[in-house]
N, C-alpha and C. Protein backbone atom coordinates (compact mmCIF):
# COMPACT_ATOMS: atom_id res chain seq x y z
N MET A 1 -20.12 -32.58 2.14
CA MET A 1 -19.45 -31.33 1.93
C MET A 1 -20.42 -30.18 2.14
N LYS A 2 -19.91 -29.09 2.71
CA LYS A 2 -20.73 -27.92 2.92
C LYS A 2 -21.01 -27.23 1.60
N LYS A 3 -22.18 -26.65 1.51
CA LYS A 3 -22.52 -25.89 0.32
C LYS A 3 -22.16 -24.43 0.60
N ILE A 4 -21.31 -23.85 -0.24
CA ILE A 4 -20.92 -22.46 -0.11
C ILE A 4 -21.56 -21.68 -1.24
N LYS A 5 -22.28 -20.64 -0.86
CA LYS A 5 -23.03 -19.86 -1.83
C LYS A 5 -22.49 -18.44 -1.86
N LYS A 6 -22.12 -17.97 -3.05
CA LYS A 6 -21.65 -16.59 -3.20
C LYS A 6 -22.87 -15.68 -3.13
N ILE A 7 -22.79 -14.67 -2.30
CA ILE A 7 -23.90 -13.73 -2.13
C ILE A 7 -23.73 -12.52 -3.03
N SER A 8 -22.51 -11.98 -3.07
CA SER A 8 -22.28 -10.81 -3.91
C SER A 8 -20.79 -10.66 -4.16
N GLU A 9 -20.49 -9.75 -5.07
CA GLU A 9 -19.09 -9.46 -5.39
C GLU A 9 -18.99 -8.01 -5.80
N HIS A 10 -18.03 -7.32 -5.27
CA HIS A 10 -17.82 -5.91 -5.58
C HIS A 10 -16.46 -5.79 -6.24
N CYS A 11 -16.42 -5.42 -7.51
CA CYS A 11 -15.14 -5.44 -8.22
C CYS A 11 -14.88 -4.20 -9.06
N ASP A 12 -15.51 -3.10 -8.77
CA ASP A 12 -15.33 -1.95 -9.63
C ASP A 12 -14.15 -1.06 -9.23
N HIS A 13 -13.36 -1.43 -8.26
CA HIS A 13 -12.23 -0.62 -7.83
C HIS A 13 -10.89 -1.26 -8.18
N HIS A 14 -10.90 -2.32 -8.93
CA HIS A 14 -9.67 -3.02 -9.28
C HIS A 14 -9.16 -2.50 -10.62
N TYR A 15 -7.90 -2.11 -10.65
CA TYR A 15 -7.32 -1.55 -11.86
C TYR A 15 -6.11 -2.37 -12.29
N ILE A 16 -5.92 -2.47 -13.58
CA ILE A 16 -4.70 -3.02 -14.17
C ILE A 16 -4.17 -1.94 -15.08
N SER A 17 -3.01 -1.41 -14.74
CA SER A 17 -2.38 -0.35 -15.53
C SER A 17 -1.13 -0.91 -16.16
N LYS A 18 -0.90 -0.54 -17.41
CA LYS A 18 0.25 -1.07 -18.16
C LYS A 18 1.29 0.03 -18.35
N TYR A 19 2.56 -0.33 -18.17
CA TYR A 19 3.67 0.59 -18.35
C TYR A 19 4.74 -0.08 -19.19
N GLU A 20 5.50 0.74 -19.89
CA GLU A 20 6.65 0.25 -20.64
C GLU A 20 7.87 1.04 -20.22
N VAL A 21 9.00 0.34 -20.09
CA VAL A 21 10.26 0.98 -19.74
C VAL A 21 11.27 0.54 -20.79
N ASP A 22 11.88 1.52 -21.44
CA ASP A 22 12.85 1.21 -22.49
C ASP A 22 14.26 1.50 -21.97
N TYR A 23 15.06 0.46 -21.88
CA TYR A 23 16.44 0.58 -21.45
C TYR A 23 17.40 0.60 -22.64
N GLY A 24 16.88 0.74 -23.83
CA GLY A 24 17.72 0.71 -25.02
C GLY A 24 17.96 -0.71 -25.48
N MET A 25 18.88 -1.43 -24.83
CA MET A 25 19.21 -2.80 -25.21
C MET A 25 18.05 -3.76 -24.91
N PHE A 26 17.30 -3.47 -23.87
CA PHE A 26 16.16 -4.32 -23.52
C PHE A 26 15.00 -3.45 -23.06
N GLN A 27 13.82 -4.06 -23.05
CA GLN A 27 12.60 -3.36 -22.67
C GLN A 27 11.87 -4.17 -21.59
N VAL A 28 11.10 -3.43 -20.81
CA VAL A 28 10.30 -4.07 -19.76
C VAL A 28 8.86 -3.60 -19.93
N SER A 29 7.95 -4.55 -19.89
CA SER A 29 6.54 -4.20 -19.86
C SER A 29 6.04 -4.61 -18.48
N ALA A 30 5.31 -3.69 -17.84
CA ALA A 30 4.88 -3.91 -16.46
C ALA A 30 3.37 -3.74 -16.35
N ASP A 31 2.73 -4.68 -15.67
CA ASP A 31 1.32 -4.57 -15.33
C ASP A 31 1.23 -4.28 -13.84
N VAL A 32 0.59 -3.17 -13.50
CA VAL A 32 0.39 -2.80 -12.10
C VAL A 32 -1.04 -3.15 -11.73
N TYR A 33 -1.19 -4.02 -10.74
CA TYR A 33 -2.50 -4.43 -10.25
C TYR A 33 -2.77 -3.66 -8.96
N SER A 34 -3.85 -2.88 -8.95
CA SER A 34 -4.12 -2.07 -7.77
C SER A 34 -5.61 -2.01 -7.47
N ASN A 35 -5.89 -1.71 -6.22
CA ASN A 35 -7.24 -1.40 -5.78
C ASN A 35 -7.25 0.10 -5.47
N GLU A 36 -8.15 0.82 -6.11
CA GLU A 36 -8.22 2.26 -5.94
C GLU A 36 -9.67 2.67 -5.72
N PHE A 37 -9.88 3.45 -4.68
CA PHE A 37 -11.25 3.88 -4.42
C PHE A 37 -11.26 5.21 -3.70
N GLU A 38 -12.39 5.91 -3.83
CA GLU A 38 -12.54 7.22 -3.20
C GLU A 38 -12.80 7.05 -1.71
N VAL A 39 -12.15 7.92 -0.93
CA VAL A 39 -12.33 7.92 0.52
C VAL A 39 -13.51 8.83 0.81
N ASP A 40 -14.54 8.29 1.43
CA ASP A 40 -15.77 9.04 1.67
C ASP A 40 -15.78 9.80 2.99
N ASP A 41 -14.95 9.42 3.93
CA ASP A 41 -15.02 9.95 5.29
C ASP A 41 -14.76 11.45 5.39
N LEU A 42 -14.06 12.04 4.44
CA LEU A 42 -13.66 13.44 4.56
C LEU A 42 -14.55 14.41 3.79
N GLY A 43 -15.30 13.92 2.83
CA GLY A 43 -16.09 14.81 2.01
C GLY A 43 -15.22 15.61 1.05
N LYS A 44 -14.00 15.17 0.83
CA LYS A 44 -13.09 15.80 -0.11
C LYS A 44 -12.74 14.79 -1.18
N LYS A 45 -12.31 15.26 -2.32
CA LYS A 45 -11.93 14.36 -3.41
C LYS A 45 -10.55 13.79 -3.08
N LEU A 46 -10.52 12.59 -2.52
CA LEU A 46 -9.28 11.94 -2.12
C LEU A 46 -9.44 10.45 -2.34
N PHE A 47 -8.41 9.82 -2.86
CA PHE A 47 -8.46 8.40 -3.20
C PHE A 47 -7.37 7.63 -2.47
N SER A 48 -7.60 6.35 -2.37
CA SER A 48 -6.60 5.43 -1.83
C SER A 48 -6.15 4.53 -2.95
N CYS A 49 -4.86 4.21 -2.95
CA CYS A 49 -4.31 3.29 -3.94
C CYS A 49 -3.52 2.23 -3.20
N ASP A 50 -3.97 1.00 -3.32
CA ASP A 50 -3.26 -0.13 -2.72
C ASP A 50 -2.73 -0.99 -3.86
N ILE A 51 -1.44 -0.89 -4.12
CA ILE A 51 -0.84 -1.67 -5.20
C ILE A 51 -0.64 -3.10 -4.71
N GLN A 52 -1.27 -4.02 -5.40
CA GLN A 52 -1.23 -5.43 -5.01
C GLN A 52 -0.02 -6.15 -5.59
N ASP A 53 0.32 -5.83 -6.85
CA ASP A 53 1.40 -6.55 -7.52
C ASP A 53 1.86 -5.75 -8.73
N VAL A 54 3.12 -5.97 -9.09
CA VAL A 54 3.66 -5.44 -10.34
C VAL A 54 4.29 -6.63 -11.06
N ALA A 55 3.73 -6.97 -12.21
CA ALA A 55 4.23 -8.10 -12.99
C ALA A 55 5.11 -7.57 -14.12
N LEU A 56 6.33 -8.10 -14.21
CA LEU A 56 7.30 -7.64 -15.20
C LEU A 56 7.50 -8.68 -16.29
N ASP A 57 7.53 -8.23 -17.55
CA ASP A 57 7.89 -9.07 -18.69
C ASP A 57 9.01 -8.37 -19.43
N PHE A 58 9.99 -9.16 -19.89
CA PHE A 58 11.18 -8.60 -20.51
C PHE A 58 11.24 -8.96 -21.99
N SER A 59 11.84 -8.05 -22.76
CA SER A 59 12.11 -8.32 -24.17
C SER A 59 13.46 -7.71 -24.52
N ILE A 60 14.12 -8.32 -25.47
CA ILE A 60 15.39 -7.82 -25.96
C ILE A 60 15.20 -7.52 -27.44
N ASN A 61 15.52 -6.28 -27.82
CA ASN A 61 15.30 -5.82 -29.20
C ASN A 61 13.87 -6.07 -29.67
N GLY A 62 12.91 -5.86 -28.77
CA GLY A 62 11.51 -5.99 -29.12
C GLY A 62 10.95 -7.40 -29.13
N LYS A 63 11.78 -8.39 -28.84
CA LYS A 63 11.33 -9.78 -28.85
C LYS A 63 11.25 -10.31 -27.41
N GLY A 64 10.06 -10.80 -27.02
CA GLY A 64 9.85 -11.30 -25.66
C GLY A 64 10.82 -12.42 -25.32
N CYS A 65 11.20 -12.48 -24.05
CA CYS A 65 12.09 -13.56 -23.61
C CYS A 65 11.59 -14.12 -22.28
N LYS A 66 12.03 -15.31 -21.97
CA LYS A 66 11.64 -15.96 -20.73
C LYS A 66 12.30 -15.24 -19.56
N ARG A 67 11.55 -15.13 -18.47
CA ARG A 67 12.06 -14.45 -17.28
C ARG A 67 13.34 -15.09 -16.76
N GLU A 68 13.37 -16.41 -16.71
CA GLU A 68 14.58 -17.11 -16.21
C GLU A 68 15.78 -16.86 -17.11
N GLY A 69 15.54 -16.82 -18.42
CA GLY A 69 16.63 -16.55 -19.36
C GLY A 69 17.15 -15.13 -19.20
N PHE A 70 16.24 -14.18 -19.03
CA PHE A 70 16.64 -12.79 -18.84
C PHE A 70 17.42 -12.64 -17.53
N LYS A 71 16.92 -13.30 -16.49
CA LYS A 71 17.59 -13.25 -15.19
C LYS A 71 19.01 -13.80 -15.30
N GLU A 72 19.15 -14.94 -15.96
CA GLU A 72 20.47 -15.56 -16.12
C GLU A 72 21.42 -14.63 -16.88
N LEU A 73 20.94 -14.04 -17.97
CA LEU A 73 21.75 -13.12 -18.76
C LEU A 73 22.13 -11.89 -17.93
N TYR A 74 21.16 -11.33 -17.22
CA TYR A 74 21.40 -10.13 -16.42
C TYR A 74 22.46 -10.39 -15.35
N GLU A 75 22.34 -11.54 -14.69
CA GLU A 75 23.32 -11.86 -13.64
C GLU A 75 24.69 -12.22 -14.20
N LYS A 76 24.75 -12.74 -15.42
CA LYS A 76 26.05 -12.98 -16.06
C LYS A 76 26.72 -11.64 -16.38
N LEU A 77 25.92 -10.66 -16.76
CA LEU A 77 26.47 -9.35 -17.09
C LEU A 77 26.81 -8.52 -15.85
N TYR A 78 25.96 -8.58 -14.82
CA TYR A 78 26.09 -7.65 -13.69
C TYR A 78 26.36 -8.31 -12.35
N GLY A 79 26.46 -9.61 -12.29
CA GLY A 79 26.82 -10.28 -11.05
C GLY A 79 25.65 -10.96 -10.36
N GLU A 80 26.02 -11.85 -9.45
CA GLU A 80 25.04 -12.63 -8.69
C GLU A 80 24.12 -11.71 -7.89
N ASP A 81 22.85 -12.04 -7.87
CA ASP A 81 21.79 -11.30 -7.16
C ASP A 81 21.52 -9.90 -7.71
N SER A 82 22.17 -9.51 -8.82
CA SER A 82 21.92 -8.19 -9.40
C SER A 82 20.51 -8.10 -9.97
N TYR A 83 19.97 -9.21 -10.48
CA TYR A 83 18.63 -9.23 -11.04
C TYR A 83 17.60 -8.88 -9.96
N LEU A 84 17.75 -9.45 -8.78
CA LEU A 84 16.82 -9.17 -7.69
C LEU A 84 16.86 -7.69 -7.31
N ASP A 85 18.06 -7.13 -7.19
CA ASP A 85 18.19 -5.71 -6.87
C ASP A 85 17.57 -4.85 -7.98
N PHE A 86 17.83 -5.22 -9.23
CA PHE A 86 17.30 -4.49 -10.37
C PHE A 86 15.77 -4.50 -10.37
N THR A 87 15.16 -5.67 -10.17
CA THR A 87 13.70 -5.76 -10.22
C THR A 87 13.05 -5.05 -9.03
N LYS A 88 13.69 -5.09 -7.86
CA LYS A 88 13.15 -4.36 -6.70
C LYS A 88 13.13 -2.87 -6.97
N GLU A 89 14.24 -2.34 -7.49
CA GLU A 89 14.32 -0.91 -7.78
C GLU A 89 13.35 -0.52 -8.89
N LEU A 90 13.28 -1.32 -9.94
CA LEU A 90 12.37 -1.05 -11.05
C LEU A 90 10.92 -1.06 -10.58
N THR A 91 10.55 -2.07 -9.80
CA THR A 91 9.19 -2.17 -9.27
C THR A 91 8.84 -0.94 -8.43
N SER A 92 9.76 -0.54 -7.58
CA SER A 92 9.55 0.64 -6.74
C SER A 92 9.36 1.89 -7.59
N ASP A 93 10.20 2.06 -8.62
CA ASP A 93 10.09 3.22 -9.51
C ASP A 93 8.75 3.22 -10.24
N ILE A 94 8.31 2.07 -10.69
CA ILE A 94 7.02 1.97 -11.40
C ILE A 94 5.87 2.30 -10.46
N GLU A 95 5.94 1.82 -9.22
CA GLU A 95 4.89 2.14 -8.24
C GLU A 95 4.80 3.64 -8.00
N VAL A 96 5.95 4.30 -7.86
CA VAL A 96 5.97 5.75 -7.65
C VAL A 96 5.36 6.46 -8.86
N GLN A 97 5.76 6.04 -10.05
CA GLN A 97 5.21 6.64 -11.27
C GLN A 97 3.71 6.42 -11.36
N HIS A 98 3.26 5.23 -10.97
CA HIS A 98 1.83 4.94 -11.01
C HIS A 98 1.06 5.96 -10.17
N LEU A 99 1.56 6.24 -8.99
CA LEU A 99 0.90 7.22 -8.11
C LEU A 99 1.00 8.63 -8.68
N ASN A 100 2.15 8.96 -9.25
CA ASN A 100 2.38 10.32 -9.75
C ASN A 100 1.66 10.61 -11.06
N LEU A 101 1.48 9.62 -11.90
CA LEU A 101 0.87 9.84 -13.22
C LEU A 101 -0.66 9.81 -13.20
N SER A 102 -1.23 9.41 -12.10
CA SER A 102 -2.69 9.30 -12.03
C SER A 102 -3.34 10.68 -11.96
N ASP A 103 -4.55 10.77 -12.48
CA ASP A 103 -5.31 12.01 -12.36
C ASP A 103 -6.10 12.06 -11.06
N ARG A 104 -6.02 10.98 -10.27
CA ARG A 104 -6.71 10.94 -8.99
C ARG A 104 -5.76 11.39 -7.87
N PRO A 105 -6.21 12.25 -6.95
CA PRO A 105 -5.36 12.63 -5.81
C PRO A 105 -5.33 11.49 -4.78
N PHE A 106 -4.18 10.86 -4.65
CA PHE A 106 -4.03 9.73 -3.73
C PHE A 106 -3.53 10.19 -2.36
N ILE A 107 -3.96 9.51 -1.33
CA ILE A 107 -3.50 9.78 0.02
C ILE A 107 -1.97 9.78 0.06
N GLN A 108 -1.36 8.83 -0.63
CA GLN A 108 0.09 8.68 -0.60
C GLN A 108 0.81 9.89 -1.18
N ASN A 109 0.13 10.72 -1.96
CA ASN A 109 0.77 11.87 -2.62
C ASN A 109 0.50 13.20 -1.94
N ILE A 110 -0.36 13.24 -0.93
CA ILE A 110 -0.66 14.53 -0.32
C ILE A 110 0.49 14.94 0.59
N SER A 111 0.57 16.21 0.86
CA SER A 111 1.65 16.74 1.70
C SER A 111 1.42 16.34 3.16
N VAL A 112 2.48 16.41 3.93
CA VAL A 112 2.38 16.12 5.37
C VAL A 112 1.40 17.09 6.01
N ASP A 113 1.47 18.37 5.63
CA ASP A 113 0.56 19.37 6.20
C ASP A 113 -0.90 19.05 5.90
N LYS A 114 -1.19 18.67 4.65
CA LYS A 114 -2.56 18.34 4.26
C LYS A 114 -3.02 17.07 4.99
N ALA A 115 -2.14 16.07 5.08
CA ALA A 115 -2.49 14.84 5.80
C ALA A 115 -2.76 15.14 7.27
N THR A 116 -1.96 16.02 7.86
CA THR A 116 -2.15 16.41 9.27
C THR A 116 -3.49 17.11 9.44
N GLU A 117 -3.82 17.99 8.50
CA GLU A 117 -5.11 18.70 8.55
C GLU A 117 -6.28 17.71 8.46
N TYR A 118 -6.22 16.79 7.49
CA TYR A 118 -7.29 15.81 7.32
C TYR A 118 -7.37 14.88 8.53
N LEU A 119 -6.22 14.47 9.05
CA LEU A 119 -6.20 13.58 10.22
C LEU A 119 -6.83 14.27 11.41
N SER A 120 -6.48 15.53 11.63
CA SER A 120 -7.07 16.31 12.73
C SER A 120 -8.58 16.39 12.58
N GLU A 121 -9.02 16.64 11.36
CA GLU A 121 -10.46 16.73 11.08
C GLU A 121 -11.15 15.41 11.43
N LEU A 122 -10.57 14.30 10.98
CA LEU A 122 -11.18 12.99 11.25
C LEU A 122 -11.21 12.67 12.74
N LEU A 123 -10.12 13.00 13.44
CA LEU A 123 -10.05 12.68 14.87
C LEU A 123 -11.06 13.49 15.68
N THR A 124 -11.47 14.65 15.17
CA THR A 124 -12.42 15.48 15.92
C THR A 124 -13.86 15.38 15.42
N THR A 125 -14.06 14.89 14.18
CA THR A 125 -15.43 14.89 13.66
C THR A 125 -16.00 13.51 13.35
N SER A 126 -15.16 12.51 13.18
CA SER A 126 -15.70 11.20 12.80
C SER A 126 -15.84 10.29 14.02
N ILE A 127 -16.58 9.25 13.82
CA ILE A 127 -16.78 8.26 14.88
C ILE A 127 -15.79 7.12 14.64
N TYR A 128 -15.02 6.81 15.66
CA TYR A 128 -14.07 5.71 15.58
C TYR A 128 -13.87 5.15 16.98
N GLN A 129 -13.51 3.92 17.02
CA GLN A 129 -13.32 3.24 18.29
C GLN A 129 -11.85 3.34 18.71
N THR A 130 -11.64 3.54 20.01
CA THR A 130 -10.27 3.50 20.54
C THR A 130 -10.15 2.28 21.44
N ARG A 131 -8.94 1.78 21.50
CA ARG A 131 -8.66 0.62 22.35
C ARG A 131 -7.31 0.85 23.01
N LYS A 132 -6.99 -0.02 23.95
CA LYS A 132 -5.68 0.02 24.59
C LYS A 132 -4.97 -1.29 24.31
N THR A 133 -3.65 -1.20 24.18
CA THR A 133 -2.82 -2.38 24.01
C THR A 133 -1.43 -2.09 24.53
N MET A 134 -0.66 -3.12 24.69
CA MET A 134 0.73 -2.96 25.09
C MET A 134 1.59 -2.88 23.84
N LEU A 135 2.44 -1.88 23.77
CA LEU A 135 3.41 -1.73 22.70
C LEU A 135 4.77 -1.73 23.39
N GLY A 136 5.47 -2.86 23.27
CA GLY A 136 6.68 -3.04 24.08
C GLY A 136 6.25 -3.18 25.53
N ASN A 137 6.76 -2.33 26.39
CA ASN A 137 6.37 -2.38 27.81
C ASN A 137 5.51 -1.17 28.20
N LYS A 138 4.93 -0.50 27.20
CA LYS A 138 4.13 0.70 27.44
C LYS A 138 2.70 0.48 26.93
N GLU A 139 1.73 0.86 27.76
CA GLU A 139 0.33 0.79 27.33
C GLU A 139 0.01 2.02 26.49
N ILE A 140 -0.62 1.79 25.33
CA ILE A 140 -0.99 2.91 24.46
C ILE A 140 -2.48 2.86 24.15
N VAL A 141 -3.02 4.00 23.80
CA VAL A 141 -4.39 4.12 23.28
C VAL A 141 -4.22 4.20 21.76
N TYR A 142 -5.02 3.43 21.03
CA TYR A 142 -4.86 3.43 19.58
C TYR A 142 -6.20 3.41 18.86
N ALA A 143 -6.14 3.79 17.58
CA ALA A 143 -7.27 3.66 16.67
C ALA A 143 -6.79 2.81 15.50
N ASP A 144 -7.69 2.03 14.94
CA ASP A 144 -7.30 1.23 13.78
C ASP A 144 -8.26 1.44 12.60
N LYS A 145 -9.06 2.50 12.67
CA LYS A 145 -9.93 2.82 11.54
C LYS A 145 -9.04 3.06 10.33
N TRP A 146 -9.35 2.41 9.24
CA TRP A 146 -8.47 2.39 8.08
C TRP A 146 -8.03 3.78 7.63
N ILE A 147 -8.96 4.71 7.42
CA ILE A 147 -8.61 6.02 6.88
C ILE A 147 -7.74 6.80 7.85
N ILE A 148 -7.96 6.64 9.14
CA ILE A 148 -7.11 7.32 10.14
C ILE A 148 -5.69 6.79 10.04
N VAL A 149 -5.54 5.49 9.95
CA VAL A 149 -4.20 4.89 9.85
C VAL A 149 -3.52 5.33 8.56
N GLU A 150 -4.24 5.37 7.44
CA GLU A 150 -3.64 5.76 6.16
C GLU A 150 -3.15 7.20 6.19
N LEU A 151 -3.95 8.11 6.74
CA LEU A 151 -3.52 9.50 6.85
C LEU A 151 -2.36 9.65 7.83
N ALA A 152 -2.39 8.87 8.90
CA ALA A 152 -1.30 8.92 9.88
C ALA A 152 0.01 8.43 9.28
N LYS A 153 -0.05 7.50 8.34
CA LYS A 153 1.18 7.03 7.68
C LYS A 153 1.90 8.17 6.98
N VAL A 154 1.14 9.17 6.53
CA VAL A 154 1.74 10.34 5.88
C VAL A 154 2.05 11.42 6.93
N ALA A 155 1.09 11.70 7.81
CA ALA A 155 1.23 12.81 8.77
C ALA A 155 2.15 12.48 9.93
N GLU A 156 2.03 11.29 10.48
CA GLU A 156 2.80 10.90 11.67
C GLU A 156 3.26 9.45 11.56
N PRO A 157 4.13 9.15 10.60
CA PRO A 157 4.51 7.75 10.34
C PRO A 157 5.14 7.04 11.55
N ASP A 158 5.79 7.78 12.44
CA ASP A 158 6.40 7.15 13.62
C ASP A 158 5.37 6.68 14.64
N SER A 159 4.13 7.12 14.47
CA SER A 159 3.06 6.72 15.40
C SER A 159 2.20 5.59 14.85
N VAL A 160 2.55 5.08 13.67
CA VAL A 160 1.83 3.95 13.09
C VAL A 160 2.67 2.70 13.32
N HIS A 161 2.04 1.67 13.87
CA HIS A 161 2.76 0.44 14.23
C HIS A 161 2.03 -0.78 13.67
N ARG A 162 2.81 -1.80 13.35
CA ARG A 162 2.26 -3.10 12.96
C ARG A 162 2.30 -3.97 14.21
N VAL A 163 1.15 -4.52 14.58
CA VAL A 163 1.06 -5.37 15.76
C VAL A 163 0.34 -6.67 15.39
N ASN A 164 0.58 -7.69 16.16
CA ASN A 164 -0.14 -8.95 15.98
C ASN A 164 -1.45 -8.87 16.75
N CYS A 165 -2.52 -9.20 16.08
CA CYS A 165 -3.84 -9.18 16.71
C CYS A 165 -4.51 -10.53 16.51
N LYS A 166 -5.40 -10.83 17.41
CA LYS A 166 -6.18 -12.06 17.30
C LYS A 166 -7.57 -11.69 16.80
N GLY A 167 -7.99 -12.32 15.71
CA GLY A 167 -9.32 -12.06 15.17
C GLY A 167 -10.40 -12.37 16.20
N THR A 168 -11.37 -11.48 16.32
CA THR A 168 -12.40 -11.66 17.35
C THR A 168 -13.28 -12.87 17.08
N GLN A 169 -13.54 -13.17 15.82
CA GLN A 169 -14.39 -14.31 15.52
C GLN A 169 -13.58 -15.56 15.20
N SER A 170 -12.49 -15.39 14.45
CA SER A 170 -11.73 -16.56 14.01
C SER A 170 -10.69 -17.01 15.02
N GLY A 171 -10.18 -16.08 15.83
CA GLY A 171 -9.12 -16.42 16.76
C GLY A 171 -7.76 -16.54 16.10
N ILE A 172 -7.69 -16.31 14.79
CA ILE A 172 -6.44 -16.41 14.04
C ILE A 172 -5.62 -15.15 14.24
N MET A 173 -4.30 -15.30 14.43
CA MET A 173 -3.41 -14.16 14.59
C MET A 173 -3.07 -13.57 13.21
N TYR A 174 -3.05 -12.26 13.12
CA TYR A 174 -2.68 -11.58 11.88
C TYR A 174 -2.04 -10.24 12.23
N GLU A 175 -1.25 -9.71 11.27
CA GLU A 175 -0.65 -8.40 11.48
C GLU A 175 -1.66 -7.31 11.15
N HIS A 176 -1.58 -6.24 11.90
CA HIS A 176 -2.59 -5.19 11.83
C HIS A 176 -1.90 -3.85 12.07
N SER A 177 -2.28 -2.80 11.31
CA SER A 177 -1.72 -1.46 11.52
C SER A 177 -2.60 -0.69 12.49
N ILE A 178 -1.94 0.00 13.42
CA ILE A 178 -2.65 0.84 14.39
C ILE A 178 -1.98 2.21 14.46
N PHE A 179 -2.75 3.21 14.88
CA PHE A 179 -2.24 4.56 15.06
C PHE A 179 -2.25 4.88 16.55
N ASP A 180 -1.07 5.15 17.09
CA ASP A 180 -0.90 5.44 18.52
C ASP A 180 -1.47 6.83 18.81
N LEU A 181 -2.55 6.87 19.59
CA LEU A 181 -3.22 8.12 19.95
C LEU A 181 -2.78 8.64 21.32
N SER A 182 -1.80 8.03 21.92
CA SER A 182 -1.41 8.36 23.29
C SER A 182 -1.18 9.85 23.49
N LYS A 183 -0.54 10.51 22.53
CA LYS A 183 -0.26 11.95 22.71
C LYS A 183 -1.56 12.78 22.72
N TYR A 184 -2.60 12.25 22.09
CA TYR A 184 -3.89 12.96 22.09
C TYR A 184 -4.64 12.76 23.40
N PHE A 185 -4.28 11.70 24.12
CA PHE A 185 -4.93 11.40 25.39
C PHE A 185 -4.02 11.66 26.59
N ALA A 186 -2.91 12.34 26.38
CA ALA A 186 -1.97 12.64 27.46
C ALA A 186 -2.68 13.49 28.51
N GLY A 187 -2.49 13.13 29.74
CA GLY A 187 -3.08 13.89 30.84
C GLY A 187 -4.46 13.45 31.23
N GLU A 188 -5.03 12.48 30.53
CA GLU A 188 -6.37 12.00 30.90
C GLU A 188 -6.28 10.90 31.92
């Protein structure tokens, strides 16, 4: 067997935030697991928040209950598949609140104008690699630098695409976000 040796571990950006939601008849306690860190590329106080998971626990009249039991009761009251719809909406609401209640300015919360300003600044002042690929039947020029893609998701979401890429070292296919720069290179 090969010997695998851990060299280092960086774990100071992982957060677990707890939330409670009171529906009167029942309560939900939610743990939000996220990675949050300051974006250094801009020289401005700006953070990224990547929510990894939201874990929900249910209680009725303050007493914890099993998830399967709660699901069965909920669907008996509100119909088949209502529990799934309920938890999707609740999870989404909690994620939005997580971003809104933080004292850190997150990329996801900045205005389109501010994101456009920051994106413009990065495209003209930072170093990033551009590549070409086919998107449908059209060749595009793209950047995949993480901060550029994140700002573009706010400033120009229609120009951000998920594509399948082959890892350069592993050869494994994976989905990857890219920002279509074609309009910036028009006429070249």
